[in-house]
C-alpha atoms as a PDB file:
ATOM      1  CA  UNK A   1     -24.961 -19.296 -27.494  1.00  0.00           C
ATOM      2  CA  UNK A   2     -25.158 -17.626 -24.121  1.00  0.00           C
ATOM      3  CA  UNK A   3     -28.562 -16.112 -24.869  1.00  0.00           C
ATOM      4  CA  UNK A   4     -29.778 -19.491 -25.748  1.00  0.00           C
ATOM      5  CA  UNK A   5     -28.438 -21.075 -22.648  1.00  0.00           C
ATOM      6  CA  UNK A   6     -30.148 -18.244 -20.450  1.00  0.00           C
ATOM      7  CA  UNK A   7     -33.461 -18.794 -22.323  1.00  0.00           C
ATOM      8  CA  UNK A   8     -33.362 -22.547 -21.632  1.00  0.00           C
ATOM      9  CA  UNK A   9     -32.600 -21.990 -17.911  1.00  0.00           C
ATOM     10  CA  UNK A  10     -35.600 -19.493 -17.818  1.00  0.00           C
ATOM     11  CA  UNK A  11     -37.877 -22.020 -19.502  1.00  0.00           C
ATOM     12  CA  UNK A  12     -36.831 -24.821 -17.194  1.00  0.00           C
ATOM     13  CA  UNK A  13     -37.365 -22.724 -14.196  1.00  0.00           C
ATOM     14  CA  UNK A  14     -40.862 -21.698 -15.186  1.00  0.00           C
ATOM     15  CA  UNK A  15     -41.706 -25.374 -16.166  1.00  0.00           C
ATOM     16  CA  UNK A  16     -40.605 -26.729 -12.776  1.00  0.00           C
ATOM     17  CA  UNK A  17     -42.369 -23.942 -11.038  1.00  0.00           C
ATOM     18  CA  UNK A  18     -45.618 -24.651 -12.730  1.00  0.00           C
ATOM     19  CA  UNK A  19     -45.618 -28.327 -13.173  1.00  0.00           C
ATOM     20  CA  UNK A  20     -43.266 -29.956 -10.617  1.00  0.00           C
ATOM     21  CA  UNK A  21     -43.834 -28.106  -7.333  1.00  0.00           C
ATOM     22  CA  UNK A  22     -46.453 -30.114  -5.263  1.00  0.00           C
ATOM     23  CA  UNK A  23     -49.884 -28.392  -4.540  1.00  0.00           C
ATOM     24  CA  UNK A  24     -50.817 -29.062  -0.952  1.00  0.00           C
ATOM     25  CA  UNK A  25     -51.564 -25.798   0.573  1.00  0.00           C
ATOM     26  CA  UNK A  26     -55.080 -24.789  -0.918  1.00  0.00           C
ATOM     27  CA  UNK A  27     -57.770 -26.988   0.564  1.00  0.00           C
ATOM     28  CA  UNK A  28     -60.330 -27.812  -2.149  1.00  0.00           C
ATOM     29  CA  UNK A  29     -63.044 -28.155   0.637  1.00  0.00           C
ATOM     30  CA  UNK A  30     -62.897 -24.349   0.899  1.00  0.00           C
ATOM     31  CA  UNK A  31     -63.948 -23.085  -2.406  1.00  0.00           C
ATOM     32  CA  UNK A  32     -64.726 -19.589  -1.045  1.00  0.00           C
ATOM     33  CA  UNK A  33     -60.834 -18.964  -0.967  1.00  0.00           C
ATOM     34  CA  UNK A  34     -60.348 -19.844  -4.597  1.00  0.00           C
ATOM     35  CA  UNK A  35     -60.656 -16.166  -5.781  1.00  0.00           C
ATOM     36  CA  UNK A  36     -58.312 -15.136  -2.790  1.00  0.00           C
ATOM     37  CA  UNK A  37     -55.600 -17.783  -3.649  1.00  0.00           C
ATOM     38  CA  UNK A  38     -55.751 -16.664  -7.367  1.00  0.00           C
ATOM     39  CA  UNK A  39     -54.895 -13.074  -6.428  1.00  0.00           C
ATOM     40  CA  UNK A  40     -51.920 -13.856  -4.021  1.00  0.00           C
ATOM     41  CA  UNK A  41     -48.819 -12.143  -5.170  1.00  0.00           C
ATOM     42  CA  UNK A  42     -45.493 -10.950  -3.812  1.00  0.00           C
ATOM     43  CA  UNK A  43     -43.138  -8.151  -4.974  1.00  0.00           C
ATOM     44  CA  UNK A  44     -40.667 -10.819  -6.155  1.00  0.00           C
ATOM     45  CA  UNK A  45     -43.085 -12.931  -8.258  1.00  0.00           C
ATOM     46  CA  UNK A  46     -46.080 -10.820  -8.867  1.00  0.00           C
ATOM     47  CA  UNK A  47     -49.091 -13.271  -9.370  1.00  0.00           C
ATOM     48  CA  UNK A  48     -46.692 -16.279  -9.655  1.00  0.00           C
ATOM     49  CA  UNK A  49     -47.897 -17.206  -6.187  1.00  0.00           C
ATOM     50  CA  UNK A  50     -51.211 -18.125  -7.558  1.00  0.00           C
ATOM     51  CA  UNK A  51     -50.117 -20.270 -10.570  1.00  0.00           C
ATOM     52  CA  UNK A  52     -49.850 -23.226  -8.326  1.00  0.00           C
ATOM     53  CA  UNK A  53     -50.700 -23.685  -4.758  1.00  0.00           C
ATOM     54  CA  UNK A  54     -47.893 -23.506  -2.311  1.00  0.00           C
ATOM     55  CA  UNK A  55     -46.695 -25.983   0.145  1.00  0.00           C
ATOM     56  CA  UNK A  56     -47.943 -26.095   3.825  1.00  0.00           C
ATOM     57  CA  UNK A  57     -45.306 -25.515   6.369  1.00  0.00           C
ATOM     58  CA  UNK A  58     -45.605 -26.791   9.948  1.00  0.00           C
ATOM     59  CA  UNK A  59     -44.868 -24.319  12.731  1.00  0.00           C
ATOM     60  CA  UNK A  60     -41.525 -26.030  13.727  1.00  0.00           C
ATOM     61  CA  UNK A  61     -40.263 -25.654  10.191  1.00  0.00           C
ATOM     62  CA  UNK A  62     -40.496 -21.914   9.882  1.00  0.00           C
ATOM     63  CA  UNK A  63     -39.453 -18.908  12.141  1.00  0.00           C
ATOM     64  CA  UNK A  64     -39.268 -15.221  12.216  1.00  0.00           C
ATOM     65  CA  UNK A  65     -36.297 -13.288  13.684  1.00  0.00           C
ATOM     66  CA  UNK A  66     -35.590  -9.512  13.509  1.00  0.00           C
ATOM     67  CA  UNK A  67     -38.402  -9.150  11.057  1.00  0.00           C
ATOM     68  CA  UNK A  68     -37.133 -11.735   8.489  1.00  0.00           C
ATOM     69  CA  UNK A  69     -38.428 -15.198   7.992  1.00  0.00           C
ATOM     70  CA  UNK A  70     -36.875 -18.700   7.157  1.00  0.00           C
ATOM     71  CA  UNK A  71     -38.297 -22.031   6.430  1.00  0.00           C
ATOM     72  CA  UNK A  72     -37.012 -25.648   6.582  1.00  0.00           C
ATOM     73  CA  UNK A  73     -37.474 -27.493   3.295  1.00  0.00           C
ATOM     74  CA  UNK A  74     -35.885 -30.812   2.547  1.00  0.00           C
ATOM     75  CA  UNK A  75     -34.063 -30.602   5.987  1.00  0.00           C
ATOM     76  CA  UNK A  76     -32.374 -27.263   5.042  1.00  0.00           C
ATOM     77  CA  UNK A  77     -33.128 -23.850   6.525  1.00  0.00           C
ATOM     78  CA  UNK A  78     -33.755 -21.370   3.674  1.00  0.00           C
ATOM     79  CA  UNK A  79     -33.893 -17.560   4.189  1.00  0.00           C
ATOM     80  CA  UNK A  80     -37.026 -15.967   2.723  1.00  0.00           C
ATOM     81  CA  UNK A  81     -36.257 -12.954   0.605  1.00  0.00           C
ATOM     82  CA  UNK A  82     -37.966  -9.797   1.936  1.00  0.00           C
ATOM     83  CA  UNK A  83     -39.639  -9.369  -1.598  1.00  0.00           C
ATOM     84  CA  UNK A  84     -41.087 -12.856  -1.555  1.00  0.00           C
ATOM     85  CA  UNK A  85     -43.234 -11.947   1.550  1.00  0.00           C
ATOM     86  CA  UNK A  86     -46.897 -12.008   0.860  1.00  0.00           C
ATOM     87  CA  UNK A  87     -48.166  -9.167   3.120  1.00  0.00           C
ATOM     88  CA  UNK A  88     -51.972  -9.449   3.007  1.00  0.00           C
ATOM     89  CA  UNK A  89     -53.703 -11.153   5.879  1.00  0.00           C
ATOM     90  CA  UNK A  90     -53.575 -14.876   5.656  1.00  0.00           C
ATOM     91  CA  UNK A  91     -57.170 -16.136   5.167  1.00  0.00           C
ATOM     92  CA  UNK A  92     -56.160 -19.784   5.030  1.00  0.00           C
ATOM     93  CA  UNK A  93     -54.447 -19.647   8.509  1.00  0.00           C
ATOM     94  CA  UNK A  94     -51.518 -22.062   7.486  1.00  0.00           C
ATOM     95  CA  UNK A  95     -48.135 -21.090   6.740  1.00  0.00           C
ATOM     96  CA  UNK A  96     -47.400 -21.504   3.092  1.00  0.00           C
ATOM     97  CA  UNK A  97     -44.409 -21.359   0.862  1.00  0.00           C
ATOM     98  CA  UNK A  98     -44.016 -21.415  -2.763  1.00  0.00           C
ATOM     99  CA  UNK A  99     -40.531 -22.987  -3.341  1.00  0.00           C
ATOM    100  CA  UNK A 100     -38.728 -23.188  -6.690  1.00  0.00           C
ATOM    101  CA  UNK A 101     -36.294 -25.788  -7.214  1.00  0.00           C
ATOM    102  CA  UNK A 102     -33.554 -25.574  -9.851  1.00  0.00           C
ATOM    103  CA  UNK A 103     -29.948 -26.967 -10.268  1.00  0.00           C
ATOM    104  CA  UNK A 104     -30.204 -28.708  -6.862  1.00  0.00           C
ATOM    105  CA  UNK A 105     -31.031 -25.287  -5.063  1.00  0.00           C
ATOM    106  CA  UNK A 106     -34.248 -24.146  -3.566  1.00  0.00           C
ATOM    107  CA  UNK A 107     -35.272 -20.486  -3.750  1.00  0.00           C
ATOM    108  CA  UNK A 108     -38.548 -19.009  -2.341  1.00  0.00           C
ATOM    109  CA  UNK A 109     -40.938 -17.306  -4.783  1.00  0.00           C
ATOM    110  CA  UNK A 110     -43.587 -16.454  -2.176  1.00  0.00           C
ATOM    111  CA  UNK A 111     -44.066 -16.963   1.528  1.00  0.00           C
ATOM    112  CA  UNK A 112     -47.176 -16.305   3.706  1.00  0.00           C
ATOM    113  CA  UNK A 113     -46.606 -16.799   7.468  1.00  0.00           C
ATOM    114  CA  UNK A 114     -49.354 -18.416   9.546  1.00  0.00           C
ATOM    115  CA  UNK A 115     -50.366 -17.967  13.103  1.00  0.00           C
ATOM    116  CA  UNK A 116     -47.625 -20.016  14.757  1.00  0.00           C
ATOM    117  CA  UNK A 117     -50.055 -21.749  17.266  1.00  0.00           C
END
């Protein structure tokens, strides 16, 4: 019974990550970035960053302190796990986050800081 419950939770997490998270960060007017977006990954999620585009985060809604990041989503500050950080240069320029919502909680699958201009 416990194994079935866990399998259901994993399935629901994947379903919501793929089909429910809005896709706003990738600008379709820049097709030259398609391959780059499709290869984005983090240590936490592997290529899960590329299954759906992330959500763009405005500069006032993210910050860095002592080498760690946090973002404001749905009015709440959420710490970005170190292993969710995408470490390659941000070719899109905008800060992006790939949130995963489950049981009323938000966790961060992937995060890519922008330029904070």
